[in-house]
C-alpha atoms as a PDB file:
ATOM      1  CA  MET A   1      28.190 -50.183  62.185  1.00  0.00           C
ATOM      2  CA  ASP A   2      31.354 -52.094  61.021  1.00  0.00           C
ATOM      3  CA  LYS A   3      32.296 -52.908  57.772  1.00  0.00           C
ATOM      4  CA  LYS A   4      31.816 -56.871  58.196  1.00  0.00           C
ATOM      5  CA  SER A   5      28.574 -56.223  59.295  1.00  0.00           C
ATOM      6  CA  PHE A   6      27.763 -54.088  56.564  1.00  0.00           C
ATOM      7  CA  ASP A   7      28.698 -55.998  53.862  1.00  0.00           C
ATOM      8  CA  ILE A   8      26.272 -58.566  55.594  1.00  0.00           C
ATOM      9  CA  VAL A   9      23.503 -55.907  54.851  1.00  0.00           C
ATOM     10  CA  LEU A  10      24.403 -54.890  51.600  1.00  0.00           C
ATOM     11  CA  ASP A  11      24.995 -58.666  50.471  1.00  0.00           C
ATOM     12  CA  GLU A  12      20.405 -58.944  51.742  1.00  0.00           C
ATOM     13  CA  ILE A  13      20.175 -56.367  50.101  1.00  0.00           C
ATOM     14  CA  ARG A  14      21.485 -57.543  47.107  1.00  0.00           C
ATOM     15  CA  LYS A  15      19.914 -61.156  46.954  1.00  0.00           C
ATOM     16  CA  CYS A  16      16.034 -59.385  46.733  1.00  0.00           C
ATOM     17  CA  VAL A  17      14.212 -58.435  43.650  1.00  0.00           C
ATOM     18  CA  LEU A  18      11.636 -56.682  45.241  1.00  0.00           C
ATOM     19  CA  THR A  19      11.748 -53.228  46.661  1.00  0.00           C
ATOM     20  CA  ASP A  20       9.400 -54.410  49.469  1.00  0.00           C
ATOM     21  CA  GLN A  21      12.243 -57.271  49.689  1.00  0.00           C
ATOM     22  CA  ARG A  22      15.055 -54.578  50.364  1.00  0.00           C
ATOM     23  CA  VAL A  23      13.522 -52.074  52.968  1.00  0.00           C
ATOM     24  CA  ARG A  24      12.242 -55.739  54.527  1.00  0.00           C
ATOM     25  CA  ALA A  25      15.666 -56.299  54.949  1.00  0.00           C
ATOM     26  CA  ILE A  26      16.799 -53.218  56.775  1.00  0.00           C
ATOM     27  CA  GLU A  27      13.838 -53.299  58.665  1.00  0.00           C
ATOM     28  CA  GLN A  28      15.552 -56.447  60.438  1.00  0.00           C
ATOM     29  CA  VAL A  29      19.328 -55.280  60.988  1.00  0.00           C
ATOM     30  CA  HIS A  30      19.644 -54.269  64.183  1.00  0.00           C
ATOM     31  CA  GLY A  31      22.104 -51.873  64.938  1.00  0.00           C
ATOM     32  CA  TYR A  32      22.619 -48.448  63.606  1.00  0.00           C
ATOM     33  CA  PHE A  33      23.933 -47.189  59.742  1.00  0.00           C
ATOM     34  CA  SER A  34      26.176 -43.924  59.563  1.00  0.00           C
ATOM     35  CA  SER A  35      25.926 -41.432  57.130  1.00  0.00           C
ATOM     36  CA  GLU A  36      28.057 -43.070  54.814  1.00  0.00           C
ATOM     37  CA  GLN A  37      26.486 -46.286  54.312  1.00  0.00           C
ATOM     38  CA  VAL A  38      22.614 -44.635  54.521  1.00  0.00           C
ATOM     39  CA  ILE A  39      24.095 -43.798  51.364  1.00  0.00           C
ATOM     40  CA  ASP A  40      25.476 -46.668  49.724  1.00  0.00           C
ATOM     41  CA  ILE A  41      22.109 -48.556  50.615  1.00  0.00           C
ATOM     42  CA  LEU A  42      20.283 -45.800  49.236  1.00  0.00           C
ATOM     43  CA  LYS A  43      22.736 -46.713  45.652  1.00  0.00           C
ATOM     44  CA  TYR A  44      20.663 -49.899  45.263  1.00  0.00           C
ATOM     45  CA  PHE A  45      17.405 -48.294  45.128  1.00  0.00           C
ATOM     46  CA  SER A  46      16.520 -47.145  41.275  1.00  0.00           C
ATOM     47  CA  TRP A  47      14.053 -43.895  41.764  1.00  0.00           C
ATOM     48  CA  ALA A  48      12.778 -41.417  44.573  1.00  0.00           C
ATOM     49  CA  GLU A  49       9.739 -43.676  45.461  1.00  0.00           C
ATOM     50  CA  PRO A  50      12.049 -46.714  46.828  1.00  0.00           C
ATOM     51  CA  GLN A  51      14.615 -44.183  48.316  1.00  0.00           C
ATOM     52  CA  ILE A  52      11.838 -42.518  50.162  1.00  0.00           C
ATOM     53  CA  LYS A  53      10.723 -46.313  51.261  1.00  0.00           C
ATOM     54  CA  ALA A  54      14.930 -47.146  52.592  1.00  0.00           C
ATOM     55  CA  VAL A  55      14.668 -43.885  54.711  1.00  0.00           C
ATOM     56  CA  LYS A  56      11.593 -44.764  56.012  1.00  0.00           C
ATOM     57  CA  ALA A  57      13.026 -48.026  57.035  1.00  0.00           C
ATOM     58  CA  LEU A  58      16.925 -46.616  58.042  1.00  0.00           C
ATOM     59  CA  GLN A  59      15.375 -43.880  60.256  1.00  0.00           C
ATOM     60  CA  HIS A  60      15.624 -45.631  63.484  1.00  0.00           C
ATOM     61  CA  LYS A  61      18.140 -46.956  62.515  1.00  0.00           C
ATOM     62  CA  MET A  62      20.926 -44.261  62.226  1.00  0.00           C
ATOM     63  CA  VAL A  63      23.625 -42.919  64.335  1.00  0.00           C
ATOM     64  CA  ALA A  64      23.314 -39.277  65.321  1.00  0.00           C
ATOM     65  CA  ILE A  65      24.581 -36.925  62.050  1.00  0.00           C
ATOM     66  CA  SER A  66      25.591 -33.191  61.787  1.00  0.00           C
ATOM     67  CA  THR A  67      24.031 -30.836  59.153  1.00  0.00           C
ATOM     68  CA  THR A  68      26.919 -31.725  56.781  1.00  0.00           C
ATOM     69  CA  LYS A  69      26.475 -35.053  55.814  1.00  0.00           C
ATOM     70  CA  VAL A  70      22.095 -34.635  56.192  1.00  0.00           C
ATOM     71  CA  ALA A  71      23.017 -32.224  53.086  1.00  0.00           C
ATOM     72  CA  ASN A  72      25.117 -35.271  51.293  1.00  0.00           C
ATOM     73  CA  ILE A  73      21.962 -37.858  52.247  1.00  0.00           C
ATOM     74  CA  LEU A  74      19.905 -35.147  50.528  1.00  0.00           C
ATOM     75  CA  ASN A  75      22.025 -34.979  47.763  1.00  0.00           C
ATOM     76  CA  CYS A  76      21.201 -38.108  46.853  1.00  0.00           C
ATOM     77  CA  PHE A  77      17.465 -36.675  45.887  1.00  0.00           C
ATOM     78  CA  THR A  78      16.955 -34.632  42.886  1.00  0.00           C
ATOM     79  CA  PHE A  79      14.092 -33.047  43.274  1.00  0.00           C
ATOM     80  CA  SER A  80      13.494 -30.506  46.535  1.00  0.00           C
ATOM     81  CA  LYS A  81      10.231 -31.395  47.429  1.00  0.00           C
ATOM     82  CA  ASP A  82      11.315 -35.221  47.746  1.00  0.00           C
ATOM     83  CA  ARG A  83      14.556 -33.662  50.255  1.00  0.00           C
ATOM     84  CA  LEU A  84      11.668 -31.927  52.341  1.00  0.00           C
ATOM     85  CA  VAL A  85      10.610 -35.588  52.859  1.00  0.00           C
ATOM     86  CA  VAL A  86      13.396 -36.814  53.058  1.00  0.00           C
ATOM     87  CA  LEU A  87      14.185 -34.177  55.751  1.00  0.00           C
ATOM     88  CA  GLU A  88      11.469 -34.200  57.716  1.00  0.00           C
ATOM     89  CA  LEU A  89      12.300 -38.681  58.284  1.00  0.00           C
ATOM     90  CA  ILE A  90      16.102 -38.119  59.365  1.00  0.00           C
ATOM     91  CA  ALA A  91      15.290 -34.900  61.265  1.00  0.00           C
ATOM     92  CA  LEU A  92      15.375 -36.204  64.970  1.00  0.00           C
ATOM     93  CA  ASN A  93      18.981 -37.707  63.866  1.00  0.00           C
ATOM     94  CA  ILE A  94      20.472 -34.167  63.135  1.00  0.00           C
ATOM     95  CA  SER A  95      23.072 -33.434  66.175  1.00  0.00           C
ATOM     96  CA  ASP A  96      23.553 -29.644  64.960  1.00  0.00           C
ATOM     97  CA  ALA A  97      20.235 -28.518  63.818  1.00  0.00           C
ATOM     98  CA  GLN A  98      21.356 -24.960  64.567  1.00  0.00           C
ATOM     99  CA  ASN A  99      23.665 -24.930  61.942  1.00  0.00           C
ATOM    100  CA  TYR A 100      21.223 -24.076  58.975  1.00  0.00           C
ATOM    101  CA  ARG A 101      23.492 -23.164  56.122  1.00  0.00           C
ATOM    102  CA  PRO A 102      24.679 -26.386  54.727  1.00  0.00           C
ATOM    103  CA  VAL A 103      20.794 -27.440  54.444  1.00  0.00           C
ATOM    104  CA  GLU A 104      19.359 -24.491  53.352  1.00  0.00           C
ATOM    105  CA  ASP A 105      21.781 -24.046  50.788  1.00  0.00           C
ATOM    106  CA  LEU A 106      19.467 -27.239  48.814  1.00  0.00           C
ATOM    107  CA  PHE A 107      16.426 -24.897  49.043  1.00  0.00           C
ATOM    108  CA  ARG A 108      17.492 -21.995  46.742  1.00  0.00           C
ATOM    109  CA  ILE A 109      15.188 -21.605  44.483  1.00  0.00           C
ATOM    110  CA  HIS A 110      11.787 -21.749  45.661  1.00  0.00           C
ATOM    111  CA  ALA A 111      11.619 -19.651  48.905  1.00  0.00           C
ATOM    112  CA  SER A 112       8.410 -21.269  50.524  1.00  0.00           C
ATOM    113  CA  GLU A 113      10.785 -24.815  50.128  1.00  0.00           C
ATOM    114  CA  LYS A 114      13.551 -23.172  51.814  1.00  0.00           C
ATOM    115  CA  LYS A 115      11.628 -22.076  55.354  1.00  0.00           C
ATOM    116  CA  ARG A 116       9.925 -25.018  55.884  1.00  0.00           C
ATOM    117  CA  ALA A 117      13.349 -26.947  55.676  1.00  0.00           C
ATOM    118  CA  ARG A 118      14.693 -23.521  58.117  1.00  0.00           C
ATOM    119  CA  ARG A 119      11.019 -24.378  60.242  1.00  0.00           C
ATOM    120  CA  ILE A 120      11.910 -28.251  60.566  1.00  0.00           C
ATOM    121  CA  LEU A 121      15.267 -27.750  61.885  1.00  0.00           C
ATOM    122  CA  GLU A 122      13.896 -25.245  64.483  1.00  0.00           C
ATOM    123  CA  GLN A 123      11.430 -27.621  65.603  1.00  0.00           C
ATOM    124  CA  VAL A 124      14.881 -30.247  66.388  1.00  0.00           C
ATOM    125  CA  CYS A 125      16.658 -27.776  68.191  1.00  0.00           C
ATOM    126  CA  LYS A 126      13.190 -27.124  70.829  1.00  0.00           C
ATOM    127  CA  VAL A 127      12.996 -31.483  70.666  1.00  0.00           C
ATOM    128  CA  GLY A 128      16.943 -32.369  70.536  1.00  0.00           C
ATOM    129  CA  CYS A 129      18.133 -35.493  68.961  1.00  0.00           C
ATOM    130  CA  LYS A 130      17.000 -38.467  68.968  1.00  0.00           C
ATOM    131  CA  ALA A 131      20.058 -40.883  67.531  1.00  0.00           C
ATOM    132  CA  PRO A 132      22.145 -42.312  69.514  1.00  0.00           C
ATOM    133  CA  VAL A 133      25.798 -41.384  68.876  1.00  0.00           C
ATOM    134  CA  ALA A 134      28.285 -43.345  67.604  1.00  0.00           C
ATOM    135  CA  MET A 135      30.549 -45.369  69.535  1.00  0.00           C
ATOM    136  CA  ILE A 136      34.233 -45.289  68.272  1.00  0.00           C
ATOM    137  CA  SER A 137      36.924 -47.777  69.968  1.00  0.00           C
ATOM    138  CA  SER A 138      40.360 -47.943  69.001  1.00  0.00           C
ATOM    139  CA  CYS A 139      40.263 -50.973  66.294  1.00  0.00           C
ATOM    140  CA  GLY A 140      36.985 -48.638  64.906  1.00  0.00           C
ATOM    141  CA  ILE A 141      33.198 -49.329  65.011  1.00  0.00           C
ATOM    142  CA  ILE A 142      32.277 -51.857  67.630  1.00  0.00           C
ATOM    143  CA  PRO A 143      31.158 -54.641  65.530  1.00  0.00           C
ATOM    144  CA  GLY A 144      28.005 -56.312  65.799  1.00  0.00           C
ATOM    145  CA  ASN A 145      25.702 -59.184  64.849  1.00  0.00           C
ATOM    146  CA  PRO A 146      23.104 -57.224  62.054  1.00  0.00           C
ATOM    147  CA  TYR A 147      21.101 -60.419  62.145  1.00  0.00           C
ATOM    148  CA  PRO A 148      20.881 -61.492  65.637  1.00  0.00           C
ATOM    149  CA  LYS A 149      17.465 -64.049  64.279  1.00  0.00           C
ATOM    150  CA  GLY A 150      19.362 -65.167  61.092  1.00  0.00           C
ATOM    151  CA  ARG A 151      20.044 -63.822  57.310  1.00  0.00           C
ATOM    152  CA  PRO A 152      16.143 -62.865  56.171  1.00  0.00           C
ATOM    153  CA  SER A 153      17.058 -64.967  52.626  1.00  0.00           C
ATOM    154  CA  LEU A 154      18.256 -68.015  55.016  1.00  0.00           C
ATOM    155  CA  VAL A 155      15.247 -67.747  57.342  1.00  0.00           C
ATOM    156  CA  THR A 156      12.533 -67.224  55.536  1.00  0.00           C
ATOM    157  CA  GLY A 157      13.640 -68.177  51.633  1.00  0.00           C
ATOM    158  CA  THR A 158      11.488 -65.146  50.698  1.00  0.00           C
ATOM    159  CA  PHE A 159      15.129 -63.925  48.538  1.00  0.00           C
ATOM    160  CA  PRO A 160      15.512 -65.699  44.844  1.00  0.00           C
ATOM    161  CA  GLY A 161      19.438 -68.243  44.812  1.00  0.00           C
ATOM    162  CA  ILE A 162      18.993 -70.019  48.472  1.00  0.00           C
ATOM    163  CA  PRO A 163      16.270 -72.429  49.710  1.00  0.00           C
ATOM    164  CA  PRO A 164      14.982 -71.913  52.540  1.00  0.00           C
ATOM    165  CA  VAL A 165      16.034 -73.148  55.746  1.00  0.00           C
ATOM    166  CA  LYS A 166      14.119 -76.738  56.814  1.00  0.00           C
ATOM    167  CA  LYS A 167      13.300 -76.986  60.347  1.00  0.00           C
ATOM    168  CA  GLU A 168      14.208 -80.419  61.835  1.00  0.00           C
ATOM    169  CA  GLY A 169      11.601 -83.817  61.266  1.00  0.00           C
ATOM    170  CA  GLU A 170       9.841 -81.043  58.772  1.00  0.00           C
ATOM    171  CA  LYS A 171       9.189 -82.979  55.354  1.00  0.00           C
ATOM    172  CA  LYS A 172      10.198 -81.647  51.867  1.00  0.00           C
ATOM    173  CA  ASP A 173       7.427 -80.847  49.552  1.00  0.00           C
ATOM    174  CA  ASP A 174       9.036 -81.767  46.245  1.00  0.00           C
ATOM    175  CA  SER A 175       6.283 -79.737  44.835  1.00  0.00           C
ATOM    176  CA  ASN A 176       6.735 -76.128  46.483  1.00  0.00           C
ATOM    177  CA  ASN A 177      10.977 -77.164  46.617  1.00  0.00           C
ATOM    178  CA  MET A 178      11.713 -74.099  45.107  1.00  0.00           C
ATOM    179  CA  GLU A 179      15.686 -75.000  45.184  1.00  0.00           C
ATOM    180  CA  GLY A 180      17.783 -74.410  41.689  1.00  0.00           C
ATOM    181  CA  LYS A 181      15.320 -72.675  40.186  1.00  0.00           C
ATOM    182  CA  GLY A 182      14.835 -69.645  38.518  1.00  0.00           C
ATOM    183  CA  ILE A 183      13.631 -65.470  40.017  1.00  0.00           C
ATOM    184  CA  ALA A 184       9.881 -66.059  38.296  1.00  0.00           C
ATOM    185  CA  SER A 185       9.114 -69.645  39.016  1.00  0.00           C
ATOM    186  CA  ARG A 186      10.622 -67.801  43.102  1.00  0.00           C
ATOM    187  CA  ILE A 187       7.781 -65.076  42.237  1.00  0.00           C
ATOM    188  CA  ILE A 188       5.011 -66.240  40.250  1.00  0.00           C
ATOM    189  CA  GLY A 189       4.804 -69.561  42.405  1.00  0.00           C
ATOM    190  CA  PRO A 190       5.379 -73.529  42.176  1.00  0.00           C
ATOM    191  CA  PHE A 191       4.788 -74.923  38.626  1.00  0.00           C
ATOM    192  CA  LYS A 192       1.639 -76.052  37.032  1.00  0.00           C
ATOM    193  CA  PRO A 193       1.463 -78.991  34.887  1.00  0.00           C
ATOM    194  CA  PHE A 194      -0.052 -77.598  31.152  1.00  0.00           C
ATOM    195  CA  PRO A 195      -3.265 -79.964  30.845  1.00  0.00           C
ATOM    196  CA  SER A 196      -3.825 -83.494  29.396  1.00  0.00           C
ATOM    197  CA  SER A 197      -4.719 -81.931  26.172  1.00  0.00           C
ATOM    198  CA  TYR A 198      -2.150 -79.502  25.302  1.00  0.00           C
ATOM    199  CA  ASN A 199      -0.258 -80.418  22.554  1.00  0.00           C
ATOM    200  CA  PRO A 200       2.841 -78.351  22.100  1.00  0.00           C
ATOM    201  CA  HIS A 201       3.397 -79.612  18.119  1.00  0.00           C
ATOM    202  CA  ARG A 202      -0.377 -78.760  17.139  1.00  0.00           C
ATOM    203  CA  PRO A 203      -1.337 -75.546  16.318  1.00  0.00           C
ATOM    204  CA  VAL A 204      -4.331 -74.380  19.066  1.00  0.00           C
ATOM    205  CA  PRO A 205      -7.095 -73.795  16.117  1.00  0.00           C
ATOM    206  CA  TYR A 206      -8.556 -70.270  15.933  1.00  0.00           C
ATOM    207  CA  PRO A 207     -11.002 -69.308  13.470  1.00  0.00           C
ATOM    208  CA  ILE A 208      -9.719 -66.727  10.596  1.00  0.00           C
ATOM    209  CA  PRO A 209     -12.101 -64.239   8.709  1.00  0.00           C
ATOM    210  CA  PRO A 210     -12.214 -64.379   5.580  1.00  0.00           C
ATOM    211  CA  CYS A 211     -10.863 -60.913   3.548  1.00  0.00           C
ATOM    212  CA  ARG A 212     -12.574 -58.775   2.199  1.00  0.00           C
ATOM    213  CA  PRO A 213     -12.677 -56.220  -0.305  1.00  0.00           C
ATOM    214  CA  HIS A 214     -12.880 -52.703   1.731  1.00  0.00           C
ATOM    215  CA  ALA A 215     -16.094 -50.907   1.589  1.00  0.00           C
ATOM    216  CA  THR A 216     -14.538 -47.393   0.785  1.00  0.00           C
ATOM    217  CA  ILE A 217     -12.235 -48.449  -1.746  1.00  0.00           C
ATOM    218  CA  ALA A 218     -13.521 -48.961  -5.599  1.00  0.00           C
ATOM    219  CA  PRO A 219     -13.233 -51.645  -7.640  1.00  0.00           C
ATOM    220  CA  SER A 220     -11.437 -49.856 -10.766  1.00  0.00           C
ATOM    221  CA  ALA A 221      -8.737 -49.054  -7.737  1.00  0.00           C
ATOM    222  CA  TYR A 222      -7.040 -52.078  -8.041  1.00  0.00           C
ATOM    223  CA  ASN A 223      -7.150 -51.196 -12.330  1.00  0.00           C
ATOM    224  CA  ASN A 224      -3.852 -49.097 -12.134  1.00  0.00           C
ATOM    225  CA  ALA A 225      -6.015 -46.263 -10.067  1.00  0.00           C
ATOM    226  CA  GLY A 226      -9.000 -46.009 -12.683  1.00  0.00           C
ATOM    227  CA  LEU A 227      -6.514 -45.627 -16.154  1.00  0.00           C
ATOM    228  CA  VAL A 228      -6.296 -47.464 -18.864  1.00  0.00           C
ATOM    229  CA  SER A 229      -3.890 -46.679 -21.936  1.00  0.00           C
ATOM    230  CA  VAL A 230      -5.701 -46.141 -25.331  1.00  0.00           C
ATOM    231  CA  GLY A 231      -3.672 -45.874 -28.072  1.00  0.00           C
ATOM    232  CA  GLY A 232      -1.300 -44.787 -25.968  1.00  0.00           C
ATOM    233  CA  VAL A 233      -2.586 -42.474 -24.597  1.00  0.00           C
ATOM    234  CA  ILE A 234      -2.893 -42.701 -20.461  1.00  0.00           C
ATOM    235  CA  THR A 235      -7.391 -41.387 -19.620  1.00  0.00           C
ATOM    236  CA  ALA A 236      -9.341 -42.327 -16.815  1.00  0.00           C
ATOM    237  CA  ASN A 237     -11.207 -45.237 -16.883  1.00  0.00           C
ATOM    238  CA  VAL A 238     -14.648 -44.154 -16.058  1.00  0.00           C
ATOM    239  CA  PRO A 239     -17.523 -45.735 -16.279  1.00  0.00           C
ATOM    240  CA  PRO A 240     -21.139 -44.464 -19.194  1.00  0.00           C
ATOM    241  CA  PRO A 241     -23.712 -42.950 -16.932  1.00  0.00           C
ATOM    242  CA  PRO A 242     -26.546 -45.077 -15.831  1.00  0.00           C
ATOM    243  CA  TYR A 243     -29.211 -45.731 -18.295  1.00  0.00           C
ATOM    244  CA  SER A 244     -32.553 -44.312 -17.711  1.00  0.00           C
ATOM    245  CA  SER A 245     -36.543 -44.672 -18.878  1.00  0.00           C
ATOM    246  CA  SER A 246     -36.930 -40.493 -18.923  1.00  0.00           C
ATOM    247  CA  HIS A 247     -33.928 -40.111 -20.994  1.00  0.00           C
ATOM    248  CA  LYS A 248     -34.671 -41.976 -24.055  1.00  0.00           C
ATOM    249  CA  ALA A 249     -38.142 -40.433 -23.811  1.00  0.00           C
ATOM    250  CA  ALA A 250     -35.894 -37.190 -24.378  1.00  0.00           C
ATOM    251  CA  GLY A 251     -34.759 -38.293 -26.818  1.00  0.00           C
ATOM    252  CA  MET A 252     -37.069 -38.961 -28.905  1.00  0.00           C
ATOM    253  CA  GLN A 253     -39.064 -36.336 -28.392  1.00  0.00           C
ATOM    254  CA  THR A 254     -36.173 -34.105 -29.935  1.00  0.00           C
ATOM    255  CA  GLU A 255     -36.561 -36.164 -33.194  1.00  0.00           C
ATOM    256  CA  LEU A 256     -40.001 -35.244 -33.397  1.00  0.00           C
ATOM    257  CA  PRO A 257     -40.392 -32.804 -36.773  1.00  0.00           C
END
């Protein structure tokens, strides 16, 4: 894809907020990307799962690439399990699958993953490359229009920042008009008016539970941790034992001669 067309695609991807919107912008492209352009697109996807979704949308929109360029694409992923998934997705775009070394060097830790990568390349050697060869002219890659049916942000209006294109004779509905509104309004939907009983200057009444002493905290804990001063000496404030009639009867018996 020529630079001008590719800049249009990147501009559509930048306007997107959600990952699915960015993937949709890739799926609607008419044209083929080089390996360098694929790497540039993957930079707009934050981590492995969104990047794999982008590769799924790109796998049928790539020109034939060598294993060296495949290795450059796989280096965009940190974990080897994600690299294997991506290798399977773009395997039919490899033009020289018999050159195993650049891809195998990325799977040095686990022997099983290295064998799996080798098996994928061997299958491509049997089937052959299905991607078209990049067409080169005297002025570089032949230019084209990436969105012949119109840019997604202008046609569908699903991307923030740009209102959808109004058809002729279509009435303008101000209630659902997203023009001039922020990103949150475009994602959540049109604004709903507050109820008639709502007063922003009056706080919403709600019951406040009464403050009760905790059952595990003794009342003496609030009196200097149960310590009182007697003659300048701090002693523990221990309540006397409870009075009982049995103690009184025992004392009367000891007083008898």
